[in-house]
Amino acid sequence: MSNAEQEEFWTDAAGPKWVTQQTQMDTLLAPVLDLVLDQAALRPGDQVLDIGCGTGVSVVAAARAVGGQGHVTGLDISETMLDLAAARLPDMTNAALLKADAQTHRFDTSFDAMISRFGVMFFNDTVAALSNLNAALAPGGRMTFAAWGPAPQNPYFMVPAKAAAGVLGPMPKTDRTLPGPFAFEDSTRILAQMAQAGLKNTDVETVSVDLTSVGDVAETAALMMQIGPAEAAVRHHGVDAETAQQVQSAVADAIAQFDTDDGLRIPACIHIYSARKPA
């Protein structure tokens, strides 16, 4: 049940890129974090576990919500991302970071709330992970997780993937039920796994939001060449710098359709999963 492959990926491959692009990614995904926090309705004094906290923006937001009498533990498998998260928390006495695997870590405390912004789709055994987390949830405690909805309804992924394929050719087909961005896209399957893990009062709300890019079309295309399917396509095909630039230009042309007077607004379909443990 080891998650060693994901640990290596998020520490050595994806982690450094997320750290470099932290400001852009935090801004882009801010509407999703807002959804999580609105649904979680954290209260002053809550003890909170933030699963897959990454570079820490969600830890900071949750710590502010629970106040000095509360506490937030940010958990992640990536030491690279936690190093940046630590740099963002020097003055927060009500927050701490934990490098651990949520599938197997034995928590020595219980939590009133568990939250996650895109941190739950990478378990290699979702049922085992959720069961382990459920054991650490206090009576009456609640879970609130954001995950990507169906891939075809998320142009942040599909549009650059199509643009890259137009230049480089198709990518091998992948099983989206495996650990990855869309592992939770089938809400019927995930709700069944939540029940299998022993979670109670489970639900999912599917929400449409606009992702908010911090940059213009060109800057966002450059970001997509660092994180996402366009980057994966360039890496898979092993292309030279000139061809990679052609891909970036194609991505920029493709995402220009989302440009507005208020900047880029990329539609997204987000699942907000929730559960509440009986009191």
C-alpha atoms as a PDB file:
ATOM      1  CA  MET A   1       0.000   0.000   0.000  1.00  0.00           C
ATOM      2  CA  SER A   2       3.082   2.246  -0.252  1.00  0.00           C
ATOM      3  CA  ASN A   3       2.698   5.531  -2.082  1.00  0.00           C
ATOM      4  CA  ALA A   4       6.414   5.721  -2.885  1.00  0.00           C
ATOM      5  CA  GLU A   5       5.839   6.493  -6.563  1.00  0.00           C
ATOM      6  CA  GLN A   6       3.644   9.483  -5.738  1.00  0.00           C
ATOM      7  CA  GLU A   7       6.093  10.649  -3.079  1.00  0.00           C
ATOM      8  CA  GLU A   8       8.929  10.621  -5.607  1.00  0.00           C
ATOM      9  CA  PHE A   9       6.812  12.387  -8.236  1.00  0.00           C
ATOM     10  CA  TRP A  10       5.647  15.203  -5.949  1.00  0.00           C
ATOM     11  CA  THR A  11       9.076  15.628  -4.367  1.00  0.00           C
ATOM     12  CA  ASP A  12      11.424  15.377  -7.344  1.00  0.00           C
ATOM     13  CA  ALA A  13       9.338  15.974 -10.491  1.00  0.00           C
ATOM     14  CA  ALA A  14       6.177  17.999  -9.917  1.00  0.00           C
ATOM     15  CA  GLY A  15       7.062  19.524  -6.563  1.00  0.00           C
ATOM     16  CA  PRO A  16       9.865  21.846  -7.748  1.00  0.00           C
ATOM     17  CA  LYS A  17       7.645  23.139 -10.569  1.00  0.00           C
ATOM     18  CA  TRP A  18       4.761  23.863  -8.188  1.00  0.00           C
ATOM     19  CA  VAL A  19       7.169  25.687  -5.874  1.00  0.00           C
ATOM     20  CA  THR A  20       8.467  27.805  -8.747  1.00  0.00           C
ATOM     21  CA  GLN A  21       4.942  28.557  -9.979  1.00  0.00           C
ATOM     22  CA  GLN A  22       3.378  28.833  -6.507  1.00  0.00           C
ATOM     23  CA  THR A  23       1.971  32.342  -6.903  1.00  0.00           C
ATOM     24  CA  GLN A  24       0.366  31.563 -10.244  1.00  0.00           C
ATOM     25  CA  MET A  25      -1.074  28.241  -9.082  1.00  0.00           C
ATOM     26  CA  ASP A  26      -2.469  29.705  -5.853  1.00  0.00           C
ATOM     27  CA  THR A  27      -4.203  32.472  -7.812  1.00  0.00           C
ATOM     28  CA  LEU A  28      -5.480  30.112 -10.492  1.00  0.00           C
ATOM     29  CA  LEU A  29      -7.008  27.725  -7.949  1.00  0.00           C
ATOM     30  CA  ALA A  30      -8.217  30.335  -5.445  1.00  0.00           C
ATOM     31  CA  PRO A  31     -11.893  29.835  -6.439  1.00  0.00           C
ATOM     32  CA  VAL A  32     -11.562  26.125  -5.613  1.00  0.00           C
ATOM     33  CA  LEU A  33     -10.085  26.812  -2.188  1.00  0.00           C
ATOM     34  CA  ASP A  34     -12.960  29.218  -1.569  1.00  0.00           C
ATOM     35  CA  LEU A  35     -15.408  26.412  -2.379  1.00  0.00           C
ATOM     36  CA  VAL A  36     -13.709  24.074   0.098  1.00  0.00           C
ATOM     37  CA  LEU A  37     -13.644  26.630   2.894  1.00  0.00           C
ATOM     38  CA  ASP A  38     -17.243  27.699   2.288  1.00  0.00           C
ATOM     39  CA  GLN A  39     -18.436  24.090   2.408  1.00  0.00           C
ATOM     40  CA  ALA A  40     -16.226  23.146   5.384  1.00  0.00           C
ATOM     41  CA  ALA A  41     -17.518  26.085   7.466  1.00  0.00           C
ATOM     42  CA  LEU A  42     -14.550  25.902   9.837  1.00  0.00           C
ATOM     43  CA  ARG A  43     -15.280  27.245  13.297  1.00  0.00           C
ATOM     44  CA  PRO A  44     -13.100  29.017  15.847  1.00  0.00           C
ATOM     45  CA  GLY A  45     -11.386  26.371  17.951  1.00  0.00           C
ATOM     46  CA  ASP A  46     -11.594  23.586  15.347  1.00  0.00           C
ATOM     47  CA  GLN A  47      -8.755  21.092  15.085  1.00  0.00           C
ATOM     48  CA  VAL A  48      -8.220  20.692  11.332  1.00  0.00           C
ATOM     49  CA  LEU A  49      -6.259  18.327   9.086  1.00  0.00           C
ATOM     50  CA  ASP A  50      -5.416  19.696   5.621  1.00  0.00           C
ATOM     51  CA  ILE A  51      -4.701  16.700   3.391  1.00  0.00           C
ATOM     52  CA  GLY A  52      -2.251  17.196   0.550  1.00  0.00           C
ATOM     53  CA  CYS A  53      -1.636  20.767   1.650  1.00  0.00           C
ATOM     54  CA  GLY A  54       1.137  21.327  -0.886  1.00  0.00           C
ATOM     55  CA  THR A  55       2.813  24.717  -0.552  1.00  0.00           C
ATOM     56  CA  GLY A  56       0.539  25.797   2.268  1.00  0.00           C
ATOM     57  CA  VAL A  57      -1.928  28.399   1.035  1.00  0.00           C
ATOM     58  CA  SER A  58      -4.833  26.323   2.354  1.00  0.00           C
ATOM     59  CA  VAL A  59      -3.126  25.867   5.737  1.00  0.00           C
ATOM     60  CA  VAL A  60      -2.799  29.629   6.129  1.00  0.00           C
ATOM     61  CA  ALA A  61      -6.441  30.205   5.184  1.00  0.00           C
ATOM     62  CA  ALA A  62      -7.718  27.480   7.512  1.00  0.00           C
ATOM     63  CA  ALA A  63      -5.557  28.688  10.403  1.00  0.00           C
ATOM     64  CA  ARG A  64      -7.048  32.146  10.080  1.00  0.00           C
ATOM     65  CA  ALA A  65     -10.538  30.643  10.104  1.00  0.00           C
ATOM     66  CA  VAL A  66     -10.068  28.605  13.305  1.00  0.00           C
ATOM     67  CA  GLY A  67      -8.264  31.324  15.233  1.00  0.00           C
ATOM     68  CA  GLY A  68      -5.884  31.081  18.131  1.00  0.00           C
ATOM     69  CA  GLN A  69      -7.927  28.465  19.980  1.00  0.00           C
ATOM     70  CA  GLY A  70      -7.924  26.192  16.937  1.00  0.00           C
ATOM     71  CA  HIS A  71      -5.130  24.383  15.129  1.00  0.00           C
ATOM     72  CA  VAL A  72      -4.398  23.235  11.578  1.00  0.00           C
ATOM     73  CA  THR A  73      -2.074  20.395  10.623  1.00  0.00           C
ATOM     74  CA  GLY A  74      -0.990  20.509   7.004  1.00  0.00           C
ATOM     75  CA  LEU A  75      -0.140  17.023   5.751  1.00  0.00           C
ATOM     76  CA  ASP A  76       1.699  16.258   2.542  1.00  0.00           C
ATOM     77  CA  ILE A  77       3.899  13.543   1.108  1.00  0.00           C
ATOM     78  CA  SER A  78       6.250  15.983  -0.646  1.00  0.00           C
ATOM     79  CA  GLU A  79       9.145  17.393   1.337  1.00  0.00           C
ATOM     80  CA  THR A  80       9.797  19.860  -1.494  1.00  0.00           C
ATOM     81  CA  MET A  81       6.359  21.426  -1.219  1.00  0.00           C
ATOM     82  CA  LEU A  82       6.351  21.357   2.582  1.00  0.00           C
ATOM     83  CA  ASP A  83       9.623  23.304   2.642  1.00  0.00           C
ATOM     84  CA  LEU A  84       7.868  26.209   0.929  1.00  0.00           C
ATOM     85  CA  ALA A  85       4.809  25.780   3.142  1.00  0.00           C
ATOM     86  CA  ALA A  86       7.051  26.089   6.223  1.00  0.00           C
ATOM     87  CA  ALA A  87       8.408  29.381   4.932  1.00  0.00           C
ATOM     88  CA  ARG A  88       4.860  30.744   4.790  1.00  0.00           C
ATOM     89  CA  LEU A  89       4.010  29.835   8.399  1.00  0.00           C
ATOM     90  CA  PRO A  90       6.759  31.326  10.582  1.00  0.00           C
ATOM     91  CA  ASP A  91       4.451  33.490  12.671  1.00  0.00           C
ATOM     92  CA  MET A  92       1.486  31.118  12.903  1.00  0.00           C
ATOM     93  CA  THR A  93       1.384  29.440  16.288  1.00  0.00           C
ATOM     94  CA  ASN A  94      -1.827  27.585  15.438  1.00  0.00           C
ATOM     95  CA  ALA A  95      -0.488  25.646  12.453  1.00  0.00           C
ATOM     96  CA  ALA A  96       2.030  22.872  11.900  1.00  0.00           C
ATOM     97  CA  LEU A  97       3.197  20.708   9.021  1.00  0.00           C
ATOM     98  CA  LEU A  98       3.504  16.948   8.845  1.00  0.00           C
ATOM     99  CA  LYS A  99       5.309  14.947   6.181  1.00  0.00           C
ATOM    100  CA  ALA A 100       3.357  11.712   6.057  1.00  0.00           C
ATOM    101  CA  ASP A 101       1.270   9.402   3.892  1.00  0.00           C
ATOM    102  CA  ALA A 102      -2.416   9.751   4.735  1.00  0.00           C
ATOM    103  CA  GLN A 103      -2.937   6.115   3.738  1.00  0.00           C
ATOM    104  CA  THR A 104      -0.779   4.721   6.511  1.00  0.00           C
ATOM    105  CA  HIS A 105       0.057   7.396   9.080  1.00  0.00           C
ATOM    106  CA  ARG A 106      -1.201   6.658  12.570  1.00  0.00           C
ATOM    107  CA  PHE A 107      -2.529   9.935  13.919  1.00  0.00           C
ATOM    108  CA  ASP A 108      -2.135  10.514  17.664  1.00  0.00           C
ATOM    109  CA  THR A 109      -4.938  13.074  17.785  1.00  0.00           C
ATOM    110  CA  SER A 110      -8.404  13.486  16.358  1.00  0.00           C
ATOM    111  CA  PHE A 111      -9.708  16.240  14.116  1.00  0.00           C
ATOM    112  CA  ASP A 112     -12.961  18.173  14.035  1.00  0.00           C
ATOM    113  CA  ALA A 113     -12.570  18.830  10.325  1.00  0.00           C
ATOM    114  CA  MET A 114     -10.553  17.520   7.390  1.00  0.00           C
ATOM    115  CA  ILE A 115     -10.173  19.540   4.220  1.00  0.00           C
ATOM    116  CA  SER A 116      -8.388  19.117   0.921  1.00  0.00           C
ATOM    117  CA  ARG A 117      -8.016  21.148  -2.240  1.00  0.00           C
ATOM    118  CA  PHE A 118      -6.993  18.586  -4.854  1.00  0.00           C
ATOM    119  CA  GLY A 119      -4.982  16.512  -2.377  1.00  0.00           C
ATOM    120  CA  VAL A 120      -6.989  13.286  -2.311  1.00  0.00           C
ATOM    121  CA  MET A 121      -6.808  12.028  -5.911  1.00  0.00           C
ATOM    122  CA  PHE A 122      -3.364  10.476  -5.623  1.00  0.00           C
ATOM    123  CA  PHE A 123      -3.870   7.627  -3.154  1.00  0.00           C
ATOM    124  CA  ASN A 124      -2.943   4.266  -4.607  1.00  0.00           C
ATOM    125  CA  ASP A 125      -5.600   2.755  -2.312  1.00  0.00           C
ATOM    126  CA  THR A 126      -8.406   5.274  -1.840  1.00  0.00           C
ATOM    127  CA  VAL A 127     -10.489   3.061   0.442  1.00  0.00           C
ATOM    128  CA  ALA A 128      -7.555   2.379   2.754  1.00  0.00           C
ATOM    129  CA  ALA A 129      -6.655   6.074   2.876  1.00  0.00           C
ATOM    130  CA  LEU A 130     -10.196   7.227   3.621  1.00  0.00           C
ATOM    131  CA  SER A 131     -10.622   4.511   6.228  1.00  0.00           C
ATOM    132  CA  ASN A 132      -7.427   5.620   7.940  1.00  0.00           C
ATOM    133  CA  LEU A 133      -8.538   9.243   7.861  1.00  0.00           C
ATOM    134  CA  ASN A 134     -11.979   8.324   9.159  1.00  0.00           C
ATOM    135  CA  ALA A 135     -10.346   6.734  12.193  1.00  0.00           C
ATOM    136  CA  ALA A 136      -8.767  10.101  13.011  1.00  0.00           C
ATOM    137  CA  LEU A 137     -12.023  12.051  12.596  1.00  0.00           C
ATOM    138  CA  ALA A 138     -13.635  13.091  15.870  1.00  0.00           C
ATOM    139  CA  PRO A 139     -17.293  12.257  16.555  1.00  0.00           C
ATOM    140  CA  GLY A 140     -19.357  14.838  14.712  1.00  0.00           C
ATOM    141  CA  GLY A 141     -16.342  15.706  12.593  1.00  0.00           C
ATOM    142  CA  ARG A 142     -16.652  16.469   8.895  1.00  0.00           C
ATOM    143  CA  MET A 143     -14.600  15.983   5.757  1.00  0.00           C
ATOM    144  CA  THR A 144     -14.622  18.345   2.772  1.00  0.00           C
ATOM    145  CA  PHE A 145     -12.579  17.485  -0.303  1.00  0.00           C
ATOM    146  CA  ALA A 146     -12.346  19.205  -3.692  1.00  0.00           C
ATOM    147  CA  ALA A 147     -11.507  17.095  -6.740  1.00  0.00           C
ATOM    148  CA  TRP A 148     -11.674  17.647 -10.476  1.00  0.00           C
ATOM    149  CA  GLY A 149     -14.976  16.682 -12.084  1.00  0.00           C
ATOM    150  CA  PRO A 150     -15.188  14.906 -15.457  1.00  0.00           C
ATOM    151  CA  ALA A 151     -12.208  15.589 -17.690  1.00  0.00           C
ATOM    152  CA  PRO A 152     -14.257  16.700 -20.729  1.00  0.00           C
ATOM    153  CA  GLN A 153     -15.744  19.480 -18.582  1.00  0.00           C
ATOM    154  CA  ASN A 154     -12.344  20.821 -17.548  1.00  0.00           C
ATOM    155  CA  PRO A 155     -10.769  22.770 -20.414  1.00  0.00           C
ATOM    156  CA  TYR A 156      -7.789  23.689 -18.236  1.00  0.00           C
ATOM    157  CA  PHE A 157      -6.628  20.158 -19.015  1.00  0.00           C
ATOM    158  CA  MET A 158      -8.378  19.236 -22.237  1.00  0.00           C
ATOM    159  CA  VAL A 159      -7.659  22.360 -24.314  1.00  0.00           C
ATOM    160  CA  PRO A 160      -3.852  22.364 -23.874  1.00  0.00           C
ATOM    161  CA  ALA A 161      -3.809  18.581 -24.272  1.00  0.00           C
ATOM    162  CA  LYS A 162      -5.567  18.916 -27.620  1.00  0.00           C
ATOM    163  CA  ALA A 163      -3.300  21.782 -28.679  1.00  0.00           C
ATOM    164  CA  ALA A 164      -0.186  19.764 -27.833  1.00  0.00           C
ATOM    165  CA  ALA A 165      -1.532  16.735 -29.682  1.00  0.00           C
ATOM    166  CA  GLY A 166      -2.093  18.907 -32.743  1.00  0.00           C
ATOM    167  CA  VAL A 167       1.639  19.623 -32.854  1.00  0.00           C
ATOM    168  CA  LEU A 168       3.140  16.420 -31.498  1.00  0.00           C
ATOM    169  CA  GLY A 169       0.569  13.724 -32.151  1.00  0.00           C
ATOM    170  CA  PRO A 170      -1.534  11.820 -29.621  1.00  0.00           C
ATOM    171  CA  MET A 171      -0.457  10.681 -26.189  1.00  0.00           C
ATOM    172  CA  PRO A 172      -0.962   7.088 -25.020  1.00  0.00           C
ATOM    173  CA  LYS A 173      -4.356   6.540 -23.463  1.00  0.00           C
ATOM    174  CA  THR A 174      -4.358   6.424 -19.684  1.00  0.00           C
ATOM    175  CA  ASP A 175      -6.634   4.880 -17.082  1.00  0.00           C
ATOM    176  CA  ARG A 176      -8.074   7.909 -15.312  1.00  0.00           C
ATOM    177  CA  THR A 177      -9.176   5.792 -12.338  1.00  0.00           C
ATOM    178  CA  LEU A 178      -5.510   5.442 -11.367  1.00  0.00           C
ATOM    179  CA  PRO A 179      -3.895   8.030  -9.072  1.00  0.00           C
ATOM    180  CA  GLY A 180      -3.965  11.345 -10.891  1.00  0.00           C
ATOM    181  CA  PRO A 181      -5.991  14.516 -11.392  1.00  0.00           C
ATOM    182  CA  PHE A 182      -9.158  12.722 -12.514  1.00  0.00           C
ATOM    183  CA  ALA A 183      -9.167   9.755 -10.159  1.00  0.00           C
ATOM    184  CA  PHE A 184     -12.228  11.234  -8.421  1.00  0.00           C
ATOM    185  CA  GLU A 185     -14.110  12.367 -11.542  1.00  0.00           C
ATOM    186  CA  ASP A 186     -16.686   9.537 -11.331  1.00  0.00           C
ATOM    187  CA  SER A 187     -18.632  10.631  -8.275  1.00  0.00           C
ATOM    188  CA  THR A 188     -20.744   7.453  -8.165  1.00  0.00           C
ATOM    189  CA  ARG A 189     -17.596   5.333  -7.879  1.00  0.00           C
ATOM    190  CA  ILE A 190     -16.034   7.600  -5.261  1.00  0.00           C
ATOM    191  CA  LEU A 191     -19.160   7.788  -3.106  1.00  0.00           C
ATOM    192  CA  ALA A 192     -19.190   3.979  -3.106  1.00  0.00           C
ATOM    193  CA  GLN A 193     -15.547   3.935  -2.021  1.00  0.00           C
ATOM    194  CA  MET A 194     -16.284   6.456   0.721  1.00  0.00           C
ATOM    195  CA  ALA A 195     -19.026   4.175   2.017  1.00  0.00           C
ATOM    196  CA  GLN A 196     -16.705   1.188   1.791  1.00  0.00           C
ATOM    197  CA  ALA A 197     -14.201   3.117   3.917  1.00  0.00           C
ATOM    198  CA  GLY A 198     -16.845   3.552   6.603  1.00  0.00           C
ATOM    199  CA  LEU A 199     -17.623   7.209   6.011  1.00  0.00           C
ATOM    200  CA  LYS A 200     -21.147   8.301   6.881  1.00  0.00           C
ATOM    201  CA  ASN A 201     -23.485  11.029   5.654  1.00  0.00           C
ATOM    202  CA  THR A 202     -21.557  11.253   2.397  1.00  0.00           C
ATOM    203  CA  ASP A 203     -22.479  13.628  -0.385  1.00  0.00           C
ATOM    204  CA  VAL A 204     -21.074  15.333  -3.473  1.00  0.00           C
ATOM    205  CA  GLU A 205     -21.880  18.722  -4.938  1.00  0.00           C
ATOM    206  CA  THR A 206     -20.716  19.432  -8.469  1.00  0.00           C
ATOM    207  CA  VAL A 207     -19.934  23.091  -8.998  1.00  0.00           C
ATOM    208  CA  SER A 208     -18.971  25.192 -12.013  1.00  0.00           C
ATOM    209  CA  VAL A 209     -16.372  27.879 -11.347  1.00  0.00           C
ATOM    210  CA  ASP A 210     -13.938  29.968 -13.364  1.00  0.00           C
ATOM    211  CA  LEU A 211     -10.243  29.502 -12.680  1.00  0.00           C
ATOM    212  CA  THR A 212      -8.560  32.892 -12.354  1.00  0.00           C
ATOM    213  CA  SER A 213      -5.201  33.231 -14.048  1.00  0.00           C
ATOM    214  CA  VAL A 214      -2.741  35.736 -12.638  1.00  0.00           C
ATOM    215  CA  GLY A 215      -1.201  36.273 -16.068  1.00  0.00           C
ATOM    216  CA  ASP A 216      -2.251  36.953 -19.627  1.00  0.00           C
ATOM    217  CA  VAL A 217      -2.651  34.376 -22.386  1.00  0.00           C
ATOM    218  CA  ALA A 218       1.072  34.105 -23.068  1.00  0.00           C
ATOM    219  CA  GLU A 219       1.982  33.826 -19.387  1.00  0.00           C
ATOM    220  CA  THR A 220      -0.683  31.212 -18.743  1.00  0.00           C
ATOM    221  CA  ALA A 221       0.455  29.182 -21.746  1.00  0.00           C
ATOM    222  CA  ALA A 222       3.978  29.284 -20.308  1.00  0.00           C
ATOM    223  CA  LEU A 223       2.587  28.005 -16.991  1.00  0.00           C
ATOM    224  CA  MET A 224       0.812  25.181 -18.820  1.00  0.00           C
ATOM    225  CA  MET A 225       4.137  24.191 -20.322  1.00  0.00           C
ATOM    226  CA  GLN A 226       5.417  23.646 -16.783  1.00  0.00           C
ATOM    227  CA  ILE A 227       2.421  21.969 -15.126  1.00  0.00           C
ATOM    228  CA  GLY A 228      -0.266  19.910 -16.853  1.00  0.00           C
ATOM    229  CA  PRO A 229      -0.872  17.837 -19.993  1.00  0.00           C
ATOM    230  CA  ALA A 230       1.094  20.083 -22.372  1.00  0.00           C
ATOM    231  CA  GLU A 231       4.177  19.628 -20.202  1.00  0.00           C
ATOM    232  CA  ALA A 232       3.547  15.880 -20.085  1.00  0.00           C
ATOM    233  CA  ALA A 233       3.255  15.721 -23.879  1.00  0.00           C
ATOM    234  CA  VAL A 234       6.500  17.626 -24.442  1.00  0.00           C
ATOM    235  CA  ARG A 235       8.272  15.391 -21.934  1.00  0.00           C
ATOM    236  CA  HIS A 236       6.805  12.213 -23.444  1.00  0.00           C
ATOM    237  CA  HIS A 237       7.789  13.097 -27.008  1.00  0.00           C
ATOM    238  CA  GLY A 238      11.223  14.393 -26.003  1.00  0.00           C
ATOM    239  CA  VAL A 239      11.077  17.367 -28.361  1.00  0.00           C
ATOM    240  CA  ASP A 240      13.628  20.116 -28.889  1.00  0.00           C
ATOM    241  CA  ALA A 241      13.239  23.715 -27.746  1.00  0.00           C
ATOM    242  CA  GLU A 242      11.933  24.915 -31.106  1.00  0.00           C
ATOM    243  CA  THR A 243       9.162  22.311 -31.162  1.00  0.00           C
ATOM    244  CA  ALA A 244       8.315  23.009 -27.530  1.00  0.00           C
ATOM    245  CA  GLN A 245       7.869  26.657 -28.471  1.00  0.00           C
ATOM    246  CA  GLN A 246       5.481  25.599 -31.236  1.00  0.00           C
ATOM    247  CA  VAL A 247       3.457  23.711 -28.643  1.00  0.00           C
ATOM    248  CA  GLN A 248       3.403  26.737 -26.357  1.00  0.00           C
ATOM    249  CA  SER A 249       2.182  28.943 -29.204  1.00  0.00           C
ATOM    250  CA  ALA A 250      -0.551  26.427 -30.006  1.00  0.00           C
ATOM    251  CA  VAL A 251      -1.606  26.344 -26.348  1.00  0.00           C
ATOM    252  CA  ALA A 252      -1.711  30.150 -26.226  1.00  0.00           C
ATOM    253  CA  ASP A 253      -3.879  30.256 -29.338  1.00  0.00           C
ATOM    254  CA  ALA A 254      -6.218  27.628 -27.879  1.00  0.00           C
ATOM    255  CA  ILE A 255      -6.745  29.264 -24.483  1.00  0.00           C
ATOM    256  CA  ALA A 256      -7.272  32.713 -25.979  1.00  0.00           C
ATOM    257  CA  GLN A 257     -10.955  31.776 -26.235  1.00  0.00           C
ATOM    258  CA  PHE A 258     -11.169  32.250 -22.456  1.00  0.00           C
ATOM    259  CA  ASP A 259      -9.781  35.785 -22.447  1.00  0.00           C
ATOM    260  CA  THR A 260     -12.163  38.405 -21.047  1.00  0.00           C
ATOM    261  CA  ASP A 261     -12.070  42.056 -20.054  1.00  0.00           C
ATOM    262  CA  ASP A 262     -11.236  40.807 -16.547  1.00  0.00           C
ATOM    263  CA  GLY A 263      -8.419  38.533 -17.724  1.00  0.00           C
ATOM    264  CA  LEU A 264      -8.406  34.817 -18.399  1.00  0.00           C
ATOM    265  CA  ARG A 265     -11.352  32.937 -16.910  1.00  0.00           C
ATOM    266  CA  ILE A 266     -11.101  29.220 -17.564  1.00  0.00           C
ATOM    267  CA  PRO A 267     -14.284  27.220 -16.816  1.00  0.00           C
ATOM    268  CA  ALA A 268     -13.895  24.298 -14.436  1.00  0.00           C
ATOM    269  CA  CYS A 269     -16.107  21.532 -13.097  1.00  0.00           C
ATOM    270  CA  ILE A 270     -15.332  20.691  -9.485  1.00  0.00           C
ATOM    271  CA  HIS A 271     -16.654  17.930  -7.224  1.00  0.00           C
ATOM    272  CA  ILE A 272     -16.947  18.876  -3.556  1.00  0.00           C
ATOM    273  CA  TYR A 273     -17.159  15.635  -1.570  1.00  0.00           C
ATOM    274  CA  SER A 274     -18.284  15.692   2.037  1.00  0.00           C
ATOM    275  CA  ALA A 275     -18.905  13.337   4.925  1.00  0.00           C
ATOM    276  CA  ARG A 276     -19.847  13.730   8.578  1.00  0.00           C
ATOM    277  CA  LYS A 277     -19.052  11.275  11.342  1.00  0.00           C
ATOM    278  CA  PRO A 278     -21.952  10.550  13.685  1.00  0.00           C
ATOM    279  CA  ALA A 279     -21.638  12.352  17.020  1.00  0.00           C
END
